[in-house]
Amino acid sequence: MDVIRTPRLLLRTWQAEDAAAFWELNQDPRVTEFLPGPLSMAQVEAFIAAQNDLFARSGACYFAATVIATGDLAGFVGLKRHEGGLPFAPCSDIGWRLAAQHWGKGYAGETARACLGFGFAELGLEEIVSFTVPDNLRSRAVMEKLGMREDTGGAFAHPALPAGHPLSRHVLYRLRREGAPDHDSRGAVP
């Protein structure tokens, strides 16, 4: 199902046919530099099923992001609801993961801005968070361009990683609806 359209990308729910392309982008060490490692096909299939289930329950997920001009899967961009598990839950976070060949084109910012607008205007969220490891400067730059600000007291150990894991420590960024720049939600597909 098509959910959000930007000038260059379409954000939609996942299809079984997306698995091979999503698996492939998750094998690139540049993409997984700040992740625990590459995903297996079983993990990719579980991710796709979980995102579609999350969309059915909450109206949002990490959407499949496709390039309109080519139909290629660029990766994902979207909003994920966390009811527990994180020290600041319940919350909705915005996240993205794009294939390296799609870096440097502004795709993450373009689609993330549309997702923020969708989250605030369509879903009625009061706050959207984002988090990453401190060294992930590219993602942190996108967060800041979106108007998000680091919660300097919000750093945390990610509960999905073992204590002491080199990627465990995460920084937290926040954006409240009343402090948000005017993000366009008109990209939502009726």
C-alpha atoms as a PDB file:
ATOM      1  CA  MET A   1       0.000   0.000   0.000  1.00  0.00           C
ATOM      2  CA  ASP A   2       1.347   3.418  -0.988  1.00  0.00           C
ATOM      3  CA  VAL A   3       1.404   5.736   2.029  1.00  0.00           C
ATOM      4  CA  ILE A   4       3.648   8.776   1.406  1.00  0.00           C
ATOM      5  CA  ARG A   5       4.950  10.217  -1.855  1.00  0.00           C
ATOM      6  CA  THR A   6       7.731  12.779  -2.061  1.00  0.00           C
ATOM      7  CA  PRO A   7       9.019  14.353  -5.274  1.00  0.00           C
ATOM      8  CA  ARG A   8      11.443  11.457  -5.814  1.00  0.00           C
ATOM      9  CA  LEU A   9      10.441   8.583  -3.552  1.00  0.00           C
ATOM     10  CA  LEU A  10       7.438   6.502  -2.616  1.00  0.00           C
ATOM     11  CA  LEU A  11       7.055   5.144   0.906  1.00  0.00           C
ATOM     12  CA  ARG A  12       4.863   2.067   1.029  1.00  0.00           C
ATOM     13  CA  THR A  13       4.222  -1.126   2.927  1.00  0.00           C
ATOM     14  CA  TRP A  14       6.513  -4.040   2.213  1.00  0.00           C
ATOM     15  CA  GLN A  15       6.052  -6.741  -0.416  1.00  0.00           C
ATOM     16  CA  ALA A  16       7.580 -10.226  -0.411  1.00  0.00           C
ATOM     17  CA  GLU A  17       9.481  -9.235  -3.573  1.00  0.00           C
ATOM     18  CA  ASP A  18      11.412  -6.618  -1.548  1.00  0.00           C
ATOM     19  CA  ALA A  19      13.274  -9.276   0.439  1.00  0.00           C
ATOM     20  CA  ALA A  20      16.134  -9.907  -2.018  1.00  0.00           C
ATOM     21  CA  ALA A  21      16.955  -6.210  -2.523  1.00  0.00           C
ATOM     22  CA  PHE A  22      16.692  -5.478   1.215  1.00  0.00           C
ATOM     23  CA  TRP A  23      18.908  -8.476   2.020  1.00  0.00           C
ATOM     24  CA  GLU A  24      21.478  -7.248  -0.522  1.00  0.00           C
ATOM     25  CA  LEU A  25      21.719  -3.716   0.893  1.00  0.00           C
ATOM     26  CA  ASN A  26      22.151  -5.201   4.376  1.00  0.00           C
ATOM     27  CA  GLN A  27      25.250  -7.115   3.217  1.00  0.00           C
ATOM     28  CA  ASP A  28      27.168  -3.907   2.435  1.00  0.00           C
ATOM     29  CA  PRO A  29      29.638  -3.130   5.260  1.00  0.00           C
ATOM     30  CA  ARG A  30      29.153   0.603   4.638  1.00  0.00           C
ATOM     31  CA  VAL A  31      25.427   0.220   5.405  1.00  0.00           C
ATOM     32  CA  THR A  32      25.979  -2.015   8.442  1.00  0.00           C
ATOM     33  CA  GLU A  33      28.918  -0.028   9.863  1.00  0.00           C
ATOM     34  CA  PHE A  34      26.854   1.095  12.872  1.00  0.00           C
ATOM     35  CA  LEU A  35      24.704  -2.043  13.101  1.00  0.00           C
ATOM     36  CA  PRO A  36      25.549  -5.377  14.771  1.00  0.00           C
ATOM     37  CA  GLY A  37      26.191  -6.914  11.336  1.00  0.00           C
ATOM     38  CA  PRO A  38      24.577  -8.019   8.090  1.00  0.00           C
ATOM     39  CA  LEU A  39      21.074  -9.506   8.156  1.00  0.00           C
ATOM     40  CA  SER A  40      20.312 -13.075   7.142  1.00  0.00           C
ATOM     41  CA  MET A  41      17.432 -13.728   4.751  1.00  0.00           C
ATOM     42  CA  ALA A  42      15.410 -15.066   7.699  1.00  0.00           C
ATOM     43  CA  GLN A  43      16.010 -11.780   9.565  1.00  0.00           C
ATOM     44  CA  VAL A  44      15.002  -9.783   6.474  1.00  0.00           C
ATOM     45  CA  GLU A  45      11.766 -11.760   6.114  1.00  0.00           C
ATOM     46  CA  ALA A  46      11.015 -11.321   9.830  1.00  0.00           C
ATOM     47  CA  PHE A  47      11.710  -7.561   9.533  1.00  0.00           C
ATOM     48  CA  ILE A  48       9.330  -7.231   6.574  1.00  0.00           C
ATOM     49  CA  ALA A  49       6.577  -9.142   8.382  1.00  0.00           C
ATOM     50  CA  ALA A  50       7.087  -7.101  11.562  1.00  0.00           C
ATOM     51  CA  GLN A  51       6.907  -3.777   9.695  1.00  0.00           C
ATOM     52  CA  ASN A  52       3.692  -4.725   7.898  1.00  0.00           C
ATOM     53  CA  ASP A  53       2.211  -5.886  11.208  1.00  0.00           C
ATOM     54  CA  LEU A  54       3.260  -2.624  12.862  1.00  0.00           C
ATOM     55  CA  PHE A  55       1.614  -0.651  10.042  1.00  0.00           C
ATOM     56  CA  ALA A  56      -1.630  -2.627  10.477  1.00  0.00           C
ATOM     57  CA  ARG A  57      -1.630  -1.860  14.220  1.00  0.00           C
ATOM     58  CA  SER A  58      -0.374   1.743  14.310  1.00  0.00           C
ATOM     59  CA  GLY A  59      -0.675   3.249  10.819  1.00  0.00           C
ATOM     60  CA  ALA A  60       3.093   3.647  10.455  1.00  0.00           C
ATOM     61  CA  CYS A  61       6.263   1.570  10.198  1.00  0.00           C
ATOM     62  CA  TYR A  62       9.697   1.670   8.654  1.00  0.00           C
ATOM     63  CA  PHE A  63       8.287   1.948   5.116  1.00  0.00           C
ATOM     64  CA  ALA A  64       9.871   0.467   2.015  1.00  0.00           C
ATOM     65  CA  ALA A  65      11.355   3.456   0.180  1.00  0.00           C
ATOM     66  CA  THR A  66      11.363   3.133  -3.587  1.00  0.00           C
ATOM     67  CA  VAL A  67      12.768   5.511  -6.184  1.00  0.00           C
ATOM     68  CA  ILE A  68       9.799   6.669  -8.277  1.00  0.00           C
ATOM     69  CA  ALA A  69      11.809   7.039 -11.502  1.00  0.00           C
ATOM     70  CA  THR A  70      13.167   3.475 -11.436  1.00  0.00           C
ATOM     71  CA  GLY A  71      11.063   1.499  -8.962  1.00  0.00           C
ATOM     72  CA  ASP A  72      14.272   0.431  -7.180  1.00  0.00           C
ATOM     73  CA  LEU A  73      14.116  -0.263  -3.460  1.00  0.00           C
ATOM     74  CA  ALA A  74      16.383   2.363  -1.882  1.00  0.00           C
ATOM     75  CA  GLY A  75      15.907   1.029   1.662  1.00  0.00           C
ATOM     76  CA  PHE A  76      13.552   2.128   4.410  1.00  0.00           C
ATOM     77  CA  VAL A  77      12.414   5.368   6.009  1.00  0.00           C
ATOM     78  CA  GLY A  78       9.609   5.672   8.502  1.00  0.00           C
ATOM     79  CA  LEU A  79       8.165   5.838  11.970  1.00  0.00           C
ATOM     80  CA  LYS A  80       8.191   2.998  14.467  1.00  0.00           C
ATOM     81  CA  ARG A  81       6.110   2.828  17.632  1.00  0.00           C
ATOM     82  CA  HIS A  82       7.843   1.469  20.756  1.00  0.00           C
ATOM     83  CA  GLU A  83       5.557   0.589  23.653  1.00  0.00           C
ATOM     84  CA  GLY A  84       8.417  -0.621  25.838  1.00  0.00           C
ATOM     85  CA  GLY A  85      11.999  -1.803  25.790  1.00  0.00           C
ATOM     86  CA  LEU A  86      13.610   1.629  25.539  1.00  0.00           C
ATOM     87  CA  PRO A  87      14.228   3.815  28.609  1.00  0.00           C
ATOM     88  CA  PHE A  88      12.110   6.631  27.107  1.00  0.00           C
ATOM     89  CA  ALA A  89       9.238   4.455  25.792  1.00  0.00           C
ATOM     90  CA  PRO A  90       6.454   4.675  24.919  1.00  0.00           C
ATOM     91  CA  CYS A  91       7.599   6.681  21.924  1.00  0.00           C
ATOM     92  CA  SER A  92       7.657   6.866  18.149  1.00  0.00           C
ATOM     93  CA  ASP A  93      11.022   7.033  16.454  1.00  0.00           C
ATOM     94  CA  ILE A  94      11.980   8.037  12.960  1.00  0.00           C
ATOM     95  CA  GLY A  95      14.608   5.925  11.271  1.00  0.00           C
ATOM     96  CA  TRP A  96      16.158   5.208   7.899  1.00  0.00           C
ATOM     97  CA  ARG A  97      18.533   2.808   6.201  1.00  0.00           C
ATOM     98  CA  LEU A  98      19.432   3.343   2.567  1.00  0.00           C
ATOM     99  CA  ALA A  99      21.612   1.419   0.147  1.00  0.00           C
ATOM    100  CA  ALA A 100      24.987   3.137  -0.268  1.00  0.00           C
ATOM    101  CA  GLN A 101      24.332   3.952  -3.934  1.00  0.00           C
ATOM    102  CA  HIS A 102      21.473   6.186  -2.742  1.00  0.00           C
ATOM    103  CA  TRP A 103      23.563   8.159  -0.233  1.00  0.00           C
ATOM    104  CA  GLY A 104      24.361  11.810  -0.897  1.00  0.00           C
ATOM    105  CA  LYS A 105      21.195  12.457  -2.896  1.00  0.00           C
ATOM    106  CA  GLY A 106      19.128  13.936  -0.059  1.00  0.00           C
ATOM    107  CA  TYR A 107      16.726  10.979  -0.012  1.00  0.00           C
ATOM    108  CA  ALA A 108      16.904  10.463   3.763  1.00  0.00           C
ATOM    109  CA  GLY A 109      16.081  14.093   4.523  1.00  0.00           C
ATOM    110  CA  GLU A 110      13.392  14.346   1.839  1.00  0.00           C
ATOM    111  CA  THR A 111      11.481  11.294   3.033  1.00  0.00           C
ATOM    112  CA  ALA A 112      12.128  11.861   6.732  1.00  0.00           C
ATOM    113  CA  ARG A 113      10.644  15.384   6.487  1.00  0.00           C
ATOM    114  CA  ALA A 114       7.525  13.877   4.915  1.00  0.00           C
ATOM    115  CA  CYS A 115       7.385  11.241   7.666  1.00  0.00           C
ATOM    116  CA  LEU A 116       7.613  13.902  10.362  1.00  0.00           C
ATOM    117  CA  GLY A 117       4.735  15.777   8.755  1.00  0.00           C
ATOM    118  CA  PHE A 118       2.760  12.529   8.515  1.00  0.00           C
ATOM    119  CA  GLY A 119       3.492  11.688  12.153  1.00  0.00           C
ATOM    120  CA  PHE A 120       2.494  15.072  13.520  1.00  0.00           C
ATOM    121  CA  ALA A 121      -0.444  15.869  11.201  1.00  0.00           C
ATOM    122  CA  GLU A 122      -1.911  12.471  10.342  1.00  0.00           C
ATOM    123  CA  LEU A 123      -1.032  10.349  13.378  1.00  0.00           C
ATOM    124  CA  GLY A 124      -1.325  13.160  15.934  1.00  0.00           C
ATOM    125  CA  LEU A 125       2.035  12.438  17.565  1.00  0.00           C
ATOM    126  CA  GLU A 126       3.251  14.966  20.119  1.00  0.00           C
ATOM    127  CA  GLU A 127       6.922  13.974  19.882  1.00  0.00           C
ATOM    128  CA  ILE A 128       9.148  11.974  17.556  1.00  0.00           C
ATOM    129  CA  VAL A 129      12.569  10.715  18.623  1.00  0.00           C
ATOM    130  CA  SER A 130      15.563   9.307  16.802  1.00  0.00           C
ATOM    131  CA  PHE A 131      18.696   7.600  18.047  1.00  0.00           C
ATOM    132  CA  THR A 132      21.983   6.221  16.808  1.00  0.00           C
ATOM    133  CA  VAL A 133      25.507   5.489  17.942  1.00  0.00           C
ATOM    134  CA  PRO A 134      27.569   8.631  18.623  1.00  0.00           C
ATOM    135  CA  ASP A 135      29.956   8.007  15.693  1.00  0.00           C
ATOM    136  CA  ASN A 136      27.170   7.853  13.079  1.00  0.00           C
ATOM    137  CA  LEU A 137      27.726  11.433  12.017  1.00  0.00           C
ATOM    138  CA  ARG A 138      25.774  11.112   8.735  1.00  0.00           C
ATOM    139  CA  SER A 139      22.562  10.135  10.522  1.00  0.00           C
ATOM    140  CA  ARG A 140      23.113  12.705  13.241  1.00  0.00           C
ATOM    141  CA  ALA A 141      23.478  15.394  10.547  1.00  0.00           C
ATOM    142  CA  VAL A 142      20.140  14.351   9.031  1.00  0.00           C
ATOM    143  CA  MET A 143      18.496  14.518  12.474  1.00  0.00           C
ATOM    144  CA  GLU A 144      19.804  18.034  12.988  1.00  0.00           C
ATOM    145  CA  LYS A 145      18.706  19.166   9.507  1.00  0.00           C
ATOM    146  CA  LEU A 146      15.220  17.904  10.390  1.00  0.00           C
ATOM    147  CA  GLY A 147      15.174  20.262  13.385  1.00  0.00           C
ATOM    148  CA  MET A 148      15.749  17.503  15.945  1.00  0.00           C
ATOM    149  CA  ARG A 149      17.941  18.336  18.915  1.00  0.00           C
ATOM    150  CA  GLU A 150      20.102  16.046  20.977  1.00  0.00           C
ATOM    151  CA  ASP A 151      18.755  15.244  24.436  1.00  0.00           C
ATOM    152  CA  THR A 152      22.116  15.612  26.187  1.00  0.00           C
ATOM    153  CA  GLY A 153      20.875  13.656  29.199  1.00  0.00           C
ATOM    154  CA  GLY A 154      19.215  10.998  27.087  1.00  0.00           C
ATOM    155  CA  ALA A 155      22.171   8.812  26.052  1.00  0.00           C
ATOM    156  CA  PHE A 156      21.397   5.160  26.748  1.00  0.00           C
ATOM    157  CA  ALA A 157      22.629   1.606  26.312  1.00  0.00           C
ATOM    158  CA  HIS A 158      20.534  -0.008  23.572  1.00  0.00           C
ATOM    159  CA  PRO A 159      18.664  -2.932  25.179  1.00  0.00           C
ATOM    160  CA  ALA A 160      18.935  -5.100  22.037  1.00  0.00           C
ATOM    161  CA  LEU A 161      22.727  -5.244  22.396  1.00  0.00           C
ATOM    162  CA  PRO A 162      24.751  -6.959  25.116  1.00  0.00           C
ATOM    163  CA  ALA A 163      26.189  -4.778  27.858  1.00  0.00           C
ATOM    164  CA  GLY A 164      29.595  -3.509  26.835  1.00  0.00           C
ATOM    165  CA  HIS A 165      28.996  -4.076  23.109  1.00  0.00           C
ATOM    166  CA  PRO A 166      30.919  -1.392  21.146  1.00  0.00           C
ATOM    167  CA  LEU A 167      27.667  -0.204  19.490  1.00  0.00           C
ATOM    168  CA  SER A 168      25.543  -0.297  22.642  1.00  0.00           C
ATOM    169  CA  ARG A 169      25.791   3.404  23.579  1.00  0.00           C
ATOM    170  CA  HIS A 170      23.274   5.558  21.693  1.00  0.00           C
ATOM    171  CA  VAL A 171      22.536   9.262  21.600  1.00  0.00           C
ATOM    172  CA  LEU A 172      18.932  10.423  21.619  1.00  0.00           C
ATOM    173  CA  TYR A 173      17.387  13.207  19.539  1.00  0.00           C
ATOM    174  CA  ARG A 174      13.916  14.657  20.059  1.00  0.00           C
ATOM    175  CA  LEU A 175      11.447  16.827  18.162  1.00  0.00           C
ATOM    176  CA  ARG A 176       8.177  17.995  19.693  1.00  0.00           C
ATOM    177  CA  ARG A 177       5.252  18.952  17.514  1.00  0.00           C
ATOM    178  CA  GLU A 178       5.145  22.537  18.794  1.00  0.00           C
ATOM    179  CA  GLY A 179       8.860  23.004  18.080  1.00  0.00           C
ATOM    180  CA  ALA A 180       8.856  21.320  14.693  1.00  0.00           C
ATOM    181  CA  PRO A 181       9.663  23.228  11.541  1.00  0.00           C
ATOM    182  CA  ASP A 182       6.792  23.256   9.070  1.00  0.00           C
ATOM    183  CA  HIS A 183       7.138  19.692   7.762  1.00  0.00           C
ATOM    184  CA  ASP A 184       4.928  18.939   4.793  1.00  0.00           C
ATOM    185  CA  SER A 185       2.468  16.075   5.276  1.00  0.00           C
ATOM    186  CA  ARG A 186       0.781  16.562   1.898  1.00  0.00           C
ATOM    187  CA  GLY A 187       2.829  13.654   0.555  1.00  0.00           C
ATOM    188  CA  ALA A 188       0.504  11.235   2.304  1.00  0.00           C
ATOM    189  CA  VAL A 189      -1.354   9.165  -0.266  1.00  0.00           C
ATOM    190  CA  PRO A 190      -5.117   9.140   0.455  1.00  0.00           C
END
